[in-house]
Amino acid sequence: MSKAWRNLVGAALLASVAALTIFTISVVSPVQLSGTVKIDGSSSVYPLTEAVAEEFQKRNPRVKVTVGISGTGGGFKKFARGETDISNASRPIRPVEDEECRKGNIAYIELPVAYDALAVVVNPANNWCDYLTVEELKRIWEPEAQGKVNNWSQVRSGFPNRPLRLFGAGADSGTYDFFTAAIVGKERASRGDYTGSEDDNVLVQGVASDPNALGFIPFAYYAENRNRLKAIAIQCQCHNDNKPMLPSEKAVIEDRYHLARPLFIYVNREAADRPEVRSFVEFYLQNAAKLAKEVGYVPLPKRAYDLAMERFRKRIVGSMFGAKGSQVGLSIEELLAAEAKKTQ
């Protein structure tokens, strides 16, 4: 073999090795995701979204996921202005919020991610109240109660003559919207003389430090503070056995807990096309069941997550619930039916 021929063969072999090396690197080390995913909204959904964000960022360290807490209403305001990619919500979007999104040219994809069993809680030193009826809760929280129902003895005969101090979600919270709809009968109708906050940790601290307190919080915050709070059962005539029910996964699945509600994320349709947002939402839906249980919420059936993933990948926009706000008594079966209809 001539020297020229040997040089030519050697060069060809080197080129082949180089090409194979480049191919191998491209297969083994794909380009990592980068960018920022901005999220705000419900403090109820926050524990789940934050857990998802932490796991996602472990796998995608070049993506920054920020999660704020300004309440469902406050989150939708930012979302409608295009300030966030995803909005956490503890109730479906309301008509005025939907209209603001339209004005801001924000199309959204509505995705249920878990169920919450809103907990009514008292201080552990409270040894007189183990349950309340929906009627008693209404008597406490309705607008007409302001300045009038201020003592536990006014709630039920036999309760002690002790001051009744109330803690609950603030007016920008979806929890406030849902609770008032479910208990008073009208969204956003309640007395105003109570300690309110969009930060549920503030409510936990208030009830935990006052033996005369009564409050309502998302179940995840109760689950995290069981040693500082006492959950009380809710009795509702809307269920056949009319038995007081404590919040639990079983009660939610069996549709026997009056304060059960779905939790959502709303994704900006345009932002969904960015690789980091798309990957985050898909990761969310793939891992929500496991992480929801870890933070204290009730996972949806696998079918619900499959339908949500289908809706997201098809980029189906709008609300399954007609953008009408809080939906009281929405069972998991009804949620599945609404999802299936939306994806058709």
C-alpha atoms as a PDB file:
ATOM      1  CA  MET A   1       0.000   0.000   0.000  1.00  0.00           C
ATOM      2  CA  SER A   2       1.439   3.347  -1.043  1.00  0.00           C
ATOM      3  CA  LYS A   3       2.107   6.085   1.482  1.00  0.00           C
ATOM      4  CA  ALA A   4      -0.522   8.317  -0.156  1.00  0.00           C
ATOM      5  CA  TRP A   5      -3.108   5.537  -0.002  1.00  0.00           C
ATOM      6  CA  ARG A   6      -2.319   4.848   3.676  1.00  0.00           C
ATOM      7  CA  ASN A   7      -2.759   8.544   4.479  1.00  0.00           C
ATOM      8  CA  LEU A   8      -6.107   8.599   2.689  1.00  0.00           C
ATOM      9  CA  VAL A   9      -7.407   5.534   4.561  1.00  0.00           C
ATOM     10  CA  GLY A  10      -6.191   6.957   7.875  1.00  0.00           C
ATOM     11  CA  ALA A  11      -7.958  10.259   7.260  1.00  0.00           C
ATOM     12  CA  ALA A  12     -11.193   8.440   6.407  1.00  0.00           C
ATOM     13  CA  LEU A  13     -10.987   6.391   9.613  1.00  0.00           C
ATOM     14  CA  LEU A  14     -10.372   9.501  11.712  1.00  0.00           C
ATOM     15  CA  ALA A  15     -13.360  11.234  10.112  1.00  0.00           C
ATOM     16  CA  SER A  16     -15.577   8.210  10.864  1.00  0.00           C
ATOM     17  CA  VAL A  17     -14.481   8.101  14.492  1.00  0.00           C
ATOM     18  CA  ALA A  18     -15.094  11.837  14.847  1.00  0.00           C
ATOM     19  CA  ALA A  19     -18.574  11.532  13.349  1.00  0.00           C
ATOM     20  CA  LEU A  20     -19.412   8.595  15.614  1.00  0.00           C
ATOM     21  CA  THR A  21     -18.177  10.551  18.655  1.00  0.00           C
ATOM     22  CA  ILE A  22     -20.356  13.543  17.769  1.00  0.00           C
ATOM     23  CA  PHE A  23     -23.373  11.259  17.250  1.00  0.00           C
ATOM     24  CA  THR A  24     -22.770   9.510  20.584  1.00  0.00           C
ATOM     25  CA  ILE A  25     -22.481  12.801  22.453  1.00  0.00           C
ATOM     26  CA  SER A  26     -25.677  14.096  20.881  1.00  0.00           C
ATOM     27  CA  VAL A  27     -27.568  10.977  21.954  1.00  0.00           C
ATOM     28  CA  VAL A  28     -26.184  10.724  25.474  1.00  0.00           C
ATOM     29  CA  SER A  29     -26.106  14.450  26.291  1.00  0.00           C
ATOM     30  CA  PRO A  30     -29.171  16.199  24.814  1.00  0.00           C
ATOM     31  CA  VAL A  31     -29.387  19.973  25.114  1.00  0.00           C
ATOM     32  CA  GLN A  32     -30.706  20.777  28.587  1.00  0.00           C
ATOM     33  CA  LEU A  33     -33.833  22.834  29.091  1.00  0.00           C
ATOM     34  CA  SER A  34     -33.343  26.379  30.276  1.00  0.00           C
ATOM     35  CA  GLY A  35     -35.482  29.407  30.989  1.00  0.00           C
ATOM     36  CA  THR A  36     -37.996  30.518  33.605  1.00  0.00           C
ATOM     37  CA  VAL A  37     -41.528  29.356  34.443  1.00  0.00           C
ATOM     38  CA  LYS A  38     -43.505  31.987  36.358  1.00  0.00           C
ATOM     39  CA  ILE A  39     -46.388  30.813  38.562  1.00  0.00           C
ATOM     40  CA  ASP A  40     -48.629  32.623  41.045  1.00  0.00           C
ATOM     41  CA  GLY A  41     -52.083  32.297  42.588  1.00  0.00           C
ATOM     42  CA  SER A  42     -53.759  30.045  45.112  1.00  0.00           C
ATOM     43  CA  SER A  43     -52.102  29.311  48.441  1.00  0.00           C
ATOM     44  CA  SER A  44     -54.136  26.075  48.476  1.00  0.00           C
ATOM     45  CA  VAL A  45     -52.486  24.796  45.308  1.00  0.00           C
ATOM     46  CA  TYR A  46     -49.084  26.179  46.337  1.00  0.00           C
ATOM     47  CA  PRO A  47     -47.888  23.098  48.335  1.00  0.00           C
ATOM     48  CA  LEU A  48     -48.517  20.813  45.355  1.00  0.00           C
ATOM     49  CA  THR A  49     -47.080  23.158  42.716  1.00  0.00           C
ATOM     50  CA  GLU A  50     -44.044  23.873  44.890  1.00  0.00           C
ATOM     51  CA  ALA A  51     -43.433  20.127  45.337  1.00  0.00           C
ATOM     52  CA  VAL A  52     -43.690  19.613  41.568  1.00  0.00           C
ATOM     53  CA  ALA A  53     -41.359  22.569  40.950  1.00  0.00           C
ATOM     54  CA  GLU A  54     -38.716  21.179  43.316  1.00  0.00           C
ATOM     55  CA  GLU A  55     -38.731  17.764  41.639  1.00  0.00           C
ATOM     56  CA  PHE A  56     -38.721  19.289  38.156  1.00  0.00           C
ATOM     57  CA  GLN A  57     -35.779  21.563  38.909  1.00  0.00           C
ATOM     58  CA  LYS A  58     -33.751  18.622  40.246  1.00  0.00           C
ATOM     59  CA  ARG A  59     -34.013  17.092  36.780  1.00  0.00           C
ATOM     60  CA  ASN A  60     -33.725  20.408  34.945  1.00  0.00           C
ATOM     61  CA  PRO A  61     -31.331  22.579  36.960  1.00  0.00           C
ATOM     62  CA  ARG A  62     -31.124  25.256  34.259  1.00  0.00           C
ATOM     63  CA  VAL A  63     -34.861  25.984  34.510  1.00  0.00           C
ATOM     64  CA  LYS A  64     -35.980  28.396  37.231  1.00  0.00           C
ATOM     65  CA  VAL A  65     -39.549  27.871  38.465  1.00  0.00           C
ATOM     66  CA  THR A  66     -40.928  30.660  40.650  1.00  0.00           C
ATOM     67  CA  VAL A  67     -44.121  30.062  42.655  1.00  0.00           C
ATOM     68  CA  GLY A  68     -45.884  32.972  44.341  1.00  0.00           C
ATOM     69  CA  ILE A  69     -48.891  33.190  46.658  1.00  0.00           C
ATOM     70  CA  SER A  70     -51.304  36.024  45.961  1.00  0.00           C
ATOM     71  CA  GLY A  71     -54.545  34.028  46.168  1.00  0.00           C
ATOM     72  CA  THR A  72     -56.619  32.646  43.312  1.00  0.00           C
ATOM     73  CA  GLY A  73     -58.104  36.056  42.495  1.00  0.00           C
ATOM     74  CA  GLY A  74     -54.790  37.873  42.795  1.00  0.00           C
ATOM     75  CA  GLY A  75     -53.125  35.235  40.639  1.00  0.00           C
ATOM     76  CA  PHE A  76     -55.711  35.580  37.875  1.00  0.00           C
ATOM     77  CA  LYS A  77     -55.132  39.357  37.803  1.00  0.00           C
ATOM     78  CA  LYS A  78     -51.433  38.802  37.104  1.00  0.00           C
ATOM     79  CA  PHE A  79     -52.212  35.995  34.656  1.00  0.00           C
ATOM     80  CA  ALA A  80     -54.616  38.183  32.661  1.00  0.00           C
ATOM     81  CA  ARG A  81     -51.916  40.857  32.360  1.00  0.00           C
ATOM     82  CA  GLY A  82     -49.489  38.296  30.954  1.00  0.00           C
ATOM     83  CA  GLU A  83     -47.188  38.479  33.972  1.00  0.00           C
ATOM     84  CA  THR A  84     -47.248  34.722  34.677  1.00  0.00           C
ATOM     85  CA  ASP A  85     -47.172  31.533  32.615  1.00  0.00           C
ATOM     86  CA  ILE A  86     -49.325  29.462  34.980  1.00  0.00           C
ATOM     87  CA  SER A  87     -51.948  30.431  37.550  1.00  0.00           C
ATOM     88  CA  ASN A  88     -52.758  28.219  40.535  1.00  0.00           C
ATOM     89  CA  ALA A  89     -56.484  28.216  41.348  1.00  0.00           C
ATOM     90  CA  SER A  90     -58.574  26.589  44.069  1.00  0.00           C
ATOM     91  CA  ARG A  91     -61.780  27.098  42.082  1.00  0.00           C
ATOM     92  CA  PRO A  92     -62.707  27.454  38.402  1.00  0.00           C
ATOM     93  CA  ILE A  93     -62.160  30.835  36.792  1.00  0.00           C
ATOM     94  CA  ARG A  94     -64.913  33.438  37.324  1.00  0.00           C
ATOM     95  CA  PRO A  95     -66.700  35.411  34.542  1.00  0.00           C
ATOM     96  CA  VAL A  96     -64.905  38.678  35.321  1.00  0.00           C
ATOM     97  CA  GLU A  97     -61.512  36.904  35.301  1.00  0.00           C
ATOM     98  CA  ASP A  98     -62.306  35.187  32.022  1.00  0.00           C
ATOM     99  CA  GLU A  99     -63.224  38.566  30.534  1.00  0.00           C
ATOM    100  CA  GLU A 100     -59.975  40.110  31.774  1.00  0.00           C
ATOM    101  CA  CYS A 101     -58.043  37.290  30.086  1.00  0.00           C
ATOM    102  CA  ARG A 102     -59.898  37.985  26.840  1.00  0.00           C
ATOM    103  CA  LYS A 103     -59.086  41.684  27.078  1.00  0.00           C
ATOM    104  CA  GLY A 104     -55.430  40.811  27.604  1.00  0.00           C
ATOM    105  CA  ASN A 105     -55.471  38.338  24.676  1.00  0.00           C
ATOM    106  CA  ILE A 106     -54.642  35.522  27.074  1.00  0.00           C
ATOM    107  CA  ALA A 107     -56.048  32.157  26.006  1.00  0.00           C
ATOM    108  CA  TYR A 108     -55.815  29.584  28.792  1.00  0.00           C
ATOM    109  CA  ILE A 109     -55.788  25.812  29.210  1.00  0.00           C
ATOM    110  CA  GLU A 110     -57.640  24.699  32.363  1.00  0.00           C
ATOM    111  CA  LEU A 111     -56.197  21.581  34.044  1.00  0.00           C
ATOM    112  CA  PRO A 112     -57.452  19.912  37.265  1.00  0.00           C
ATOM    113  CA  VAL A 113     -54.580  18.554  39.353  1.00  0.00           C
ATOM    114  CA  ALA A 114     -56.028  17.234  42.650  1.00  0.00           C
ATOM    115  CA  TYR A 115     -58.927  17.355  45.119  1.00  0.00           C
ATOM    116  CA  ASP A 116     -58.946  19.239  48.409  1.00  0.00           C
ATOM    117  CA  ALA A 117     -61.100  18.519  51.466  1.00  0.00           C
ATOM    118  CA  LEU A 118     -61.277  21.984  52.994  1.00  0.00           C
ATOM    119  CA  ALA A 119     -60.815  21.618  56.761  1.00  0.00           C
ATOM    120  CA  VAL A 120     -62.761  23.482  59.455  1.00  0.00           C
ATOM    121  CA  VAL A 121     -60.422  23.673  62.437  1.00  0.00           C
ATOM    122  CA  VAL A 122     -60.342  24.713  66.085  1.00  0.00           C
ATOM    123  CA  ASN A 123     -57.670  24.896  68.734  1.00  0.00           C
ATOM    124  CA  PRO A 124     -56.789  21.524  70.366  1.00  0.00           C
ATOM    125  CA  ALA A 125     -57.891  23.000  73.717  1.00  0.00           C
ATOM    126  CA  ASN A 126     -61.447  23.139  72.365  1.00  0.00           C
ATOM    127  CA  ASN A 127     -63.136  20.158  74.068  1.00  0.00           C
ATOM    128  CA  TRP A 128     -66.747  21.141  73.387  1.00  0.00           C
ATOM    129  CA  CYS A 129     -66.986  21.054  69.602  1.00  0.00           C
ATOM    130  CA  ASP A 130     -66.387  17.908  67.557  1.00  0.00           C
ATOM    131  CA  TYR A 131     -68.709  18.729  64.658  1.00  0.00           C
ATOM    132  CA  LEU A 132     -70.801  21.529  63.210  1.00  0.00           C
ATOM    133  CA  THR A 133     -73.736  21.396  60.822  1.00  0.00           C
ATOM    134  CA  VAL A 134     -73.754  23.379  57.594  1.00  0.00           C
ATOM    135  CA  GLU A 135     -76.626  25.400  59.097  1.00  0.00           C
ATOM    136  CA  GLU A 136     -74.542  26.257  62.179  1.00  0.00           C
ATOM    137  CA  LEU A 137     -71.601  27.285  60.022  1.00  0.00           C
ATOM    138  CA  LYS A 138     -73.897  29.477  57.961  1.00  0.00           C
ATOM    139  CA  ARG A 139     -75.231  31.102  61.131  1.00  0.00           C
ATOM    140  CA  ILE A 140     -71.633  31.919  62.077  1.00  0.00           C
ATOM    141  CA  TRP A 141     -70.374  33.171  58.703  1.00  0.00           C
ATOM    142  CA  GLU A 142     -73.323  34.799  56.904  1.00  0.00           C
ATOM    143  CA  PRO A 143     -73.229  38.614  56.512  1.00  0.00           C
ATOM    144  CA  GLU A 144     -76.061  39.035  59.042  1.00  0.00           C
ATOM    145  CA  ALA A 145     -73.884  37.451  61.748  1.00  0.00           C
ATOM    146  CA  GLN A 146     -71.488  40.396  61.819  1.00  0.00           C
ATOM    147  CA  GLY A 147     -71.529  42.035  65.219  1.00  0.00           C
ATOM    148  CA  LYS A 148     -74.213  39.618  66.444  1.00  0.00           C
ATOM    149  CA  VAL A 149     -72.859  36.045  66.614  1.00  0.00           C
ATOM    150  CA  ASN A 150     -69.756  36.570  68.742  1.00  0.00           C
ATOM    151  CA  ASN A 151     -69.949  33.777  71.308  1.00  0.00           C
ATOM    152  CA  TRP A 152     -69.756  29.999  71.156  1.00  0.00           C
ATOM    153  CA  SER A 153     -72.970  29.790  73.214  1.00  0.00           C
ATOM    154  CA  GLN A 154     -74.803  31.470  70.333  1.00  0.00           C
ATOM    155  CA  VAL A 155     -73.827  28.687  67.956  1.00  0.00           C
ATOM    156  CA  ARG A 156     -75.435  25.773  69.817  1.00  0.00           C
ATOM    157  CA  SER A 157     -77.162  25.300  73.142  1.00  0.00           C
ATOM    158  CA  GLY A 158     -74.673  23.705  75.523  1.00  0.00           C
ATOM    159  CA  PHE A 159     -71.600  25.343  74.056  1.00  0.00           C
ATOM    160  CA  PRO A 160     -69.705  27.427  76.637  1.00  0.00           C
ATOM    161  CA  ASN A 161     -69.989  31.165  77.156  1.00  0.00           C
ATOM    162  CA  ARG A 162     -66.686  31.922  75.432  1.00  0.00           C
ATOM    163  CA  PRO A 163     -65.796  34.486  72.755  1.00  0.00           C
ATOM    164  CA  LEU A 164     -65.879  33.177  69.178  1.00  0.00           C
ATOM    165  CA  ARG A 165     -62.821  34.309  67.235  1.00  0.00           C
ATOM    166  CA  LEU A 166     -62.863  33.623  63.512  1.00  0.00           C
ATOM    167  CA  PHE A 167     -60.068  33.043  61.012  1.00  0.00           C
ATOM    168  CA  GLY A 168     -60.508  32.458  57.300  1.00  0.00           C
ATOM    169  CA  ALA A 169     -59.275  33.071  53.792  1.00  0.00           C
ATOM    170  CA  GLY A 170     -59.000  36.626  52.505  1.00  0.00           C
ATOM    171  CA  ALA A 171     -61.172  38.092  49.763  1.00  0.00           C
ATOM    172  CA  ASP A 172     -58.579  37.393  47.020  1.00  0.00           C
ATOM    173  CA  SER A 173     -58.577  33.693  47.885  1.00  0.00           C
ATOM    174  CA  GLY A 174     -60.417  30.985  45.956  1.00  0.00           C
ATOM    175  CA  THR A 175     -60.850  29.246  49.295  1.00  0.00           C
ATOM    176  CA  TYR A 176     -62.938  32.223  50.460  1.00  0.00           C
ATOM    177  CA  ASP A 177     -65.047  32.037  47.290  1.00  0.00           C
ATOM    178  CA  PHE A 178     -65.661  28.309  47.624  1.00  0.00           C
ATOM    179  CA  PHE A 179     -66.319  28.321  51.366  1.00  0.00           C
ATOM    180  CA  THR A 180     -68.890  31.122  51.139  1.00  0.00           C
ATOM    181  CA  ALA A 181     -70.626  29.424  48.209  1.00  0.00           C
ATOM    182  CA  ALA A 182     -70.718  26.048  49.979  1.00  0.00           C
ATOM    183  CA  ILE A 183     -71.712  27.324  53.436  1.00  0.00           C
ATOM    184  CA  VAL A 184     -73.566  30.616  52.998  1.00  0.00           C
ATOM    185  CA  GLY A 185     -75.028  29.731  49.604  1.00  0.00           C
ATOM    186  CA  LYS A 186     -73.526  32.620  47.655  1.00  0.00           C
ATOM    187  CA  GLU A 187     -69.939  33.182  46.568  1.00  0.00           C
ATOM    188  CA  ARG A 188     -68.201  36.031  48.424  1.00  0.00           C
ATOM    189  CA  ALA A 189     -71.098  36.567  50.868  1.00  0.00           C
ATOM    190  CA  SER A 190     -69.831  36.597  54.455  1.00  0.00           C
ATOM    191  CA  ARG A 191     -69.338  38.685  57.543  1.00  0.00           C
ATOM    192  CA  GLY A 192     -66.313  40.941  57.395  1.00  0.00           C
ATOM    193  CA  ASP A 193     -65.296  41.030  61.062  1.00  0.00           C
ATOM    194  CA  TYR A 194     -62.884  38.098  61.027  1.00  0.00           C
ATOM    195  CA  THR A 195     -59.132  37.715  60.627  1.00  0.00           C
ATOM    196  CA  GLY A 196     -58.557  37.020  56.946  1.00  0.00           C
ATOM    197  CA  SER A 197     -55.444  36.236  54.945  1.00  0.00           C
ATOM    198  CA  GLU A 198     -54.437  34.791  51.578  1.00  0.00           C
ATOM    199  CA  ASP A 199     -51.537  33.129  53.408  1.00  0.00           C
ATOM    200  CA  ASP A 200     -52.888  29.990  55.079  1.00  0.00           C
ATOM    201  CA  ASN A 201     -49.914  29.811  57.422  1.00  0.00           C
ATOM    202  CA  VAL A 202     -51.195  33.015  59.046  1.00  0.00           C
ATOM    203  CA  LEU A 203     -54.553  31.307  59.665  1.00  0.00           C
ATOM    204  CA  VAL A 204     -52.851  28.211  61.095  1.00  0.00           C
ATOM    205  CA  GLN A 205     -50.915  30.376  63.523  1.00  0.00           C
ATOM    206  CA  GLY A 206     -54.064  32.289  64.528  1.00  0.00           C
ATOM    207  CA  VAL A 207     -56.113  29.203  65.364  1.00  0.00           C
ATOM    208  CA  ALA A 208     -53.172  27.403  66.986  1.00  0.00           C
ATOM    209  CA  SER A 209     -52.618  30.294  69.390  1.00  0.00           C
ATOM    210  CA  ASP A 210     -56.253  30.932  70.438  1.00  0.00           C
ATOM    211  CA  PRO A 211     -58.340  28.366  72.421  1.00  0.00           C
ATOM    212  CA  ASN A 212     -61.553  30.131  71.290  1.00  0.00           C
ATOM    213  CA  ALA A 213     -60.728  30.157  67.578  1.00  0.00           C
ATOM    214  CA  LEU A 214     -62.585  28.660  64.621  1.00  0.00           C
ATOM    215  CA  GLY A 215     -61.212  28.756  61.082  1.00  0.00           C
ATOM    216  CA  PHE A 216     -61.180  27.115  57.667  1.00  0.00           C
ATOM    217  CA  ILE A 217     -58.051  26.152  55.697  1.00  0.00           C
ATOM    218  CA  PRO A 218     -57.010  23.819  52.856  1.00  0.00           C
ATOM    219  CA  PHE A 219     -56.463  20.260  54.028  1.00  0.00           C
ATOM    220  CA  ALA A 220     -52.740  20.289  53.188  1.00  0.00           C
ATOM    221  CA  TYR A 221     -52.173  23.003  55.794  1.00  0.00           C
ATOM    222  CA  TYR A 222     -54.126  21.039  58.396  1.00  0.00           C
ATOM    223  CA  ALA A 223     -52.211  17.846  57.557  1.00  0.00           C
ATOM    224  CA  GLU A 224     -48.929  19.674  58.100  1.00  0.00           C
ATOM    225  CA  ASN A 225     -50.103  21.019  61.476  1.00  0.00           C
ATOM    226  CA  ARG A 226     -52.087  18.164  63.025  1.00  0.00           C
ATOM    227  CA  ASN A 227     -50.290  18.592  66.336  1.00  0.00           C
ATOM    228  CA  ARG A 228     -51.354  22.257  66.506  1.00  0.00           C
ATOM    229  CA  LEU A 229     -54.921  22.066  65.195  1.00  0.00           C
ATOM    230  CA  LYS A 230     -58.062  19.991  65.648  1.00  0.00           C
ATOM    231  CA  ALA A 231     -60.286  19.265  62.634  1.00  0.00           C
ATOM    232  CA  ILE A 232     -64.017  19.090  63.253  1.00  0.00           C
ATOM    233  CA  ALA A 233     -66.539  17.058  61.278  1.00  0.00           C
ATOM    234  CA  ILE A 234     -69.180  18.631  59.025  1.00  0.00           C
ATOM    235  CA  GLN A 235     -72.772  17.427  59.042  1.00  0.00           C
ATOM    236  CA  CYS A 236     -74.777  18.050  55.894  1.00  0.00           C
ATOM    237  CA  GLN A 237     -78.306  16.975  55.025  1.00  0.00           C
ATOM    238  CA  CYS A 238     -77.242  16.696  51.381  1.00  0.00           C
ATOM    239  CA  HIS A 239     -75.847  13.222  52.155  1.00  0.00           C
ATOM    240  CA  ASN A 240     -78.166  10.300  52.750  1.00  0.00           C
ATOM    241  CA  ASP A 241     -76.768   9.122  56.094  1.00  0.00           C
ATOM    242  CA  ASN A 242     -76.517  12.725  57.403  1.00  0.00           C
ATOM    243  CA  LYS A 243     -73.517  11.719  59.519  1.00  0.00           C
ATOM    244  CA  PRO A 244     -70.863  14.244  60.497  1.00  0.00           C
ATOM    245  CA  MET A 245     -67.810  13.652  58.288  1.00  0.00           C
ATOM    246  CA  LEU A 246     -64.200  14.545  58.916  1.00  0.00           C
ATOM    247  CA  PRO A 247     -62.123  15.569  55.879  1.00  0.00           C
ATOM    248  CA  SER A 248     -60.361  12.531  54.407  1.00  0.00           C
ATOM    249  CA  GLU A 249     -59.407  10.941  51.106  1.00  0.00           C
ATOM    250  CA  LYS A 250     -62.094   8.269  51.608  1.00  0.00           C
ATOM    251  CA  ALA A 251     -64.827  10.857  52.236  1.00  0.00           C
ATOM    252  CA  VAL A 252     -63.848  12.774  49.101  1.00  0.00           C
ATOM    253  CA  ILE A 253     -63.724   9.677  46.877  1.00  0.00           C
ATOM    254  CA  GLU A 254     -67.117   8.541  48.181  1.00  0.00           C
ATOM    255  CA  ASP A 255     -68.550  12.052  47.672  1.00  0.00           C
ATOM    256  CA  ARG A 256     -69.532  12.332  51.342  1.00  0.00           C
ATOM    257  CA  TYR A 257     -67.672  15.474  52.375  1.00  0.00           C
ATOM    258  CA  HIS A 258     -69.442  18.769  51.792  1.00  0.00           C
ATOM    259  CA  LEU A 259     -66.296  20.903  51.494  1.00  0.00           C
ATOM    260  CA  ALA A 260     -64.520  18.841  48.815  1.00  0.00           C
ATOM    261  CA  ARG A 261     -63.349  20.740  45.741  1.00  0.00           C
ATOM    262  CA  PRO A 262     -61.044  20.295  42.737  1.00  0.00           C
ATOM    263  CA  LEU A 263     -57.795  22.262  42.432  1.00  0.00           C
ATOM    264  CA  PHE A 264     -56.487  23.618  39.127  1.00  0.00           C
ATOM    265  CA  ILE A 265     -53.640  25.127  37.211  1.00  0.00           C
ATOM    266  CA  TYR A 266     -54.324  27.476  34.293  1.00  0.00           C
ATOM    267  CA  VAL A 267     -51.680  27.571  31.566  1.00  0.00           C
ATOM    268  CA  ASN A 268     -51.148  30.481  29.186  1.00  0.00           C
ATOM    269  CA  ARG A 269     -51.723  28.966  25.709  1.00  0.00           C
ATOM    270  CA  GLU A 270     -48.879  30.944  24.117  1.00  0.00           C
ATOM    271  CA  ALA A 271     -46.449  30.186  26.949  1.00  0.00           C
ATOM    272  CA  ALA A 272     -47.275  26.468  26.616  1.00  0.00           C
ATOM    273  CA  ASP A 273     -45.306  26.376  23.382  1.00  0.00           C
ATOM    274  CA  ARG A 274     -42.064  27.294  25.152  1.00  0.00           C
ATOM    275  CA  PRO A 275     -40.087  24.072  25.818  1.00  0.00           C
ATOM    276  CA  GLU A 276     -39.550  24.748  29.524  1.00  0.00           C
ATOM    277  CA  VAL A 277     -43.249  25.485  30.168  1.00  0.00           C
ATOM    278  CA  ARG A 278     -44.437  22.549  28.080  1.00  0.00           C
ATOM    279  CA  SER A 279     -42.079  20.154  29.852  1.00  0.00           C
ATOM    280  CA  PHE A 280     -43.027  21.498  33.286  1.00  0.00           C
ATOM    281  CA  VAL A 281     -46.779  21.068  32.704  1.00  0.00           C
ATOM    282  CA  GLU A 282     -46.338  17.557  31.332  1.00  0.00           C
ATOM    283  CA  PHE A 283     -44.124  16.681  34.302  1.00  0.00           C
ATOM    284  CA  TYR A 284     -46.795  18.153  36.615  1.00  0.00           C
ATOM    285  CA  LEU A 285     -49.563  15.964  35.206  1.00  0.00           C
ATOM    286  CA  GLN A 286     -47.330  12.870  35.238  1.00  0.00           C
ATOM    287  CA  ASN A 287     -46.364  13.334  38.905  1.00  0.00           C
ATOM    288  CA  ALA A 288     -49.364  15.122  40.460  1.00  0.00           C
ATOM    289  CA  ALA A 289     -50.982  11.956  41.836  1.00  0.00           C
ATOM    290  CA  LYS A 290     -47.929  10.929  43.850  1.00  0.00           C
ATOM    291  CA  LEU A 291     -47.045  14.417  45.054  1.00  0.00           C
ATOM    292  CA  ALA A 292     -50.658  15.369  45.856  1.00  0.00           C
ATOM    293  CA  LYS A 293     -50.818  12.514  48.332  1.00  0.00           C
ATOM    294  CA  GLU A 294     -47.484  13.510  49.855  1.00  0.00           C
ATOM    295  CA  VAL A 295     -48.614  17.082  50.570  1.00  0.00           C
ATOM    296  CA  GLY A 296     -52.045  16.079  51.911  1.00  0.00           C
ATOM    297  CA  TYR A 297     -54.418  16.282  48.948  1.00  0.00           C
ATOM    298  CA  VAL A 298     -56.498  13.636  47.192  1.00  0.00           C
ATOM    299  CA  PRO A 299     -55.095  12.454  43.848  1.00  0.00           C
ATOM    300  CA  LEU A 300     -57.410  12.341  40.853  1.00  0.00           C
ATOM    301  CA  PRO A 301     -57.997   8.999  39.113  1.00  0.00           C
ATOM    302  CA  LYS A 302     -55.426   8.148  36.426  1.00  0.00           C
ATOM    303  CA  ARG A 303     -58.131   8.672  33.815  1.00  0.00           C
ATOM    304  CA  ALA A 304     -58.451  12.316  34.882  1.00  0.00           C
ATOM    305  CA  TYR A 305     -54.724  12.968  34.449  1.00  0.00           C
ATOM    306  CA  ASP A 306     -54.760  11.199  31.070  1.00  0.00           C
ATOM    307  CA  LEU A 307     -57.629  13.403  29.917  1.00  0.00           C
ATOM    308  CA  ALA A 308     -55.888  16.516  31.227  1.00  0.00           C
ATOM    309  CA  MET A 309     -52.704  15.559  29.375  1.00  0.00           C
ATOM    310  CA  GLU A 310     -54.709  15.035  26.188  1.00  0.00           C
ATOM    311  CA  ARG A 311     -56.340  18.446  26.572  1.00  0.00           C
ATOM    312  CA  PHE A 312     -52.966  20.086  27.172  1.00  0.00           C
ATOM    313  CA  ARG A 313     -51.278  18.437  24.196  1.00  0.00           C
ATOM    314  CA  LYS A 314     -54.199  19.380  21.951  1.00  0.00           C
ATOM    315  CA  ARG A 315     -54.022  22.925  23.389  1.00  0.00           C
ATOM    316  CA  ILE A 316     -57.765  22.978  24.124  1.00  0.00           C
ATOM    317  CA  VAL A 317     -58.543  26.362  25.628  1.00  0.00           C
ATOM    318  CA  GLY A 318     -61.372  27.624  27.830  1.00  0.00           C
ATOM    319  CA  SER A 319     -63.131  26.414  30.970  1.00  0.00           C
ATOM    320  CA  MET A 320     -64.893  23.076  31.387  1.00  0.00           C
ATOM    321  CA  PHE A 321     -67.284  24.827  33.764  1.00  0.00           C
ATOM    322  CA  GLY A 322     -68.303  27.804  31.675  1.00  0.00           C
ATOM    323  CA  ALA A 323     -66.082  30.222  33.642  1.00  0.00           C
ATOM    324  CA  LYS A 324     -68.721  30.457  36.370  1.00  0.00           C
ATOM    325  CA  GLY A 325     -66.515  30.343  39.455  1.00  0.00           C
ATOM    326  CA  SER A 326     -66.925  28.025  42.449  1.00  0.00           C
ATOM    327  CA  GLN A 327     -68.589  24.667  41.845  1.00  0.00           C
ATOM    328  CA  VAL A 328     -70.075  23.193  45.036  1.00  0.00           C
ATOM    329  CA  GLY A 329     -70.671  19.445  45.246  1.00  0.00           C
ATOM    330  CA  LEU A 330     -68.637  18.617  42.141  1.00  0.00           C
ATOM    331  CA  SER A 331     -67.807  14.920  42.488  1.00  0.00           C
ATOM    332  CA  ILE A 332     -64.806  13.210  40.928  1.00  0.00           C
ATOM    333  CA  GLU A 333     -67.165  11.397  38.533  1.00  0.00           C
ATOM    334  CA  GLU A 334     -68.673  14.700  37.402  1.00  0.00           C
ATOM    335  CA  LEU A 335     -65.214  16.163  36.938  1.00  0.00           C
ATOM    336  CA  LEU A 336     -64.239  13.210  34.747  1.00  0.00           C
ATOM    337  CA  ALA A 337     -67.403  13.622  32.668  1.00  0.00           C
ATOM    338  CA  ALA A 338     -66.674  17.322  32.160  1.00  0.00           C
ATOM    339  CA  GLU A 339     -63.078  16.565  31.156  1.00  0.00           C
ATOM    340  CA  ALA A 340     -64.076  13.859  28.711  1.00  0.00           C
ATOM    341  CA  LYS A 341     -66.608  16.176  27.079  1.00  0.00           C
ATOM    342  CA  LYS A 342     -64.037  18.960  26.767  1.00  0.00           C
ATOM    343  CA  THR A 343     -61.438  16.778  25.046  1.00  0.00           C
ATOM    344  CA  GLN A 344     -63.837  15.474  22.386  1.00  0.00           C
END
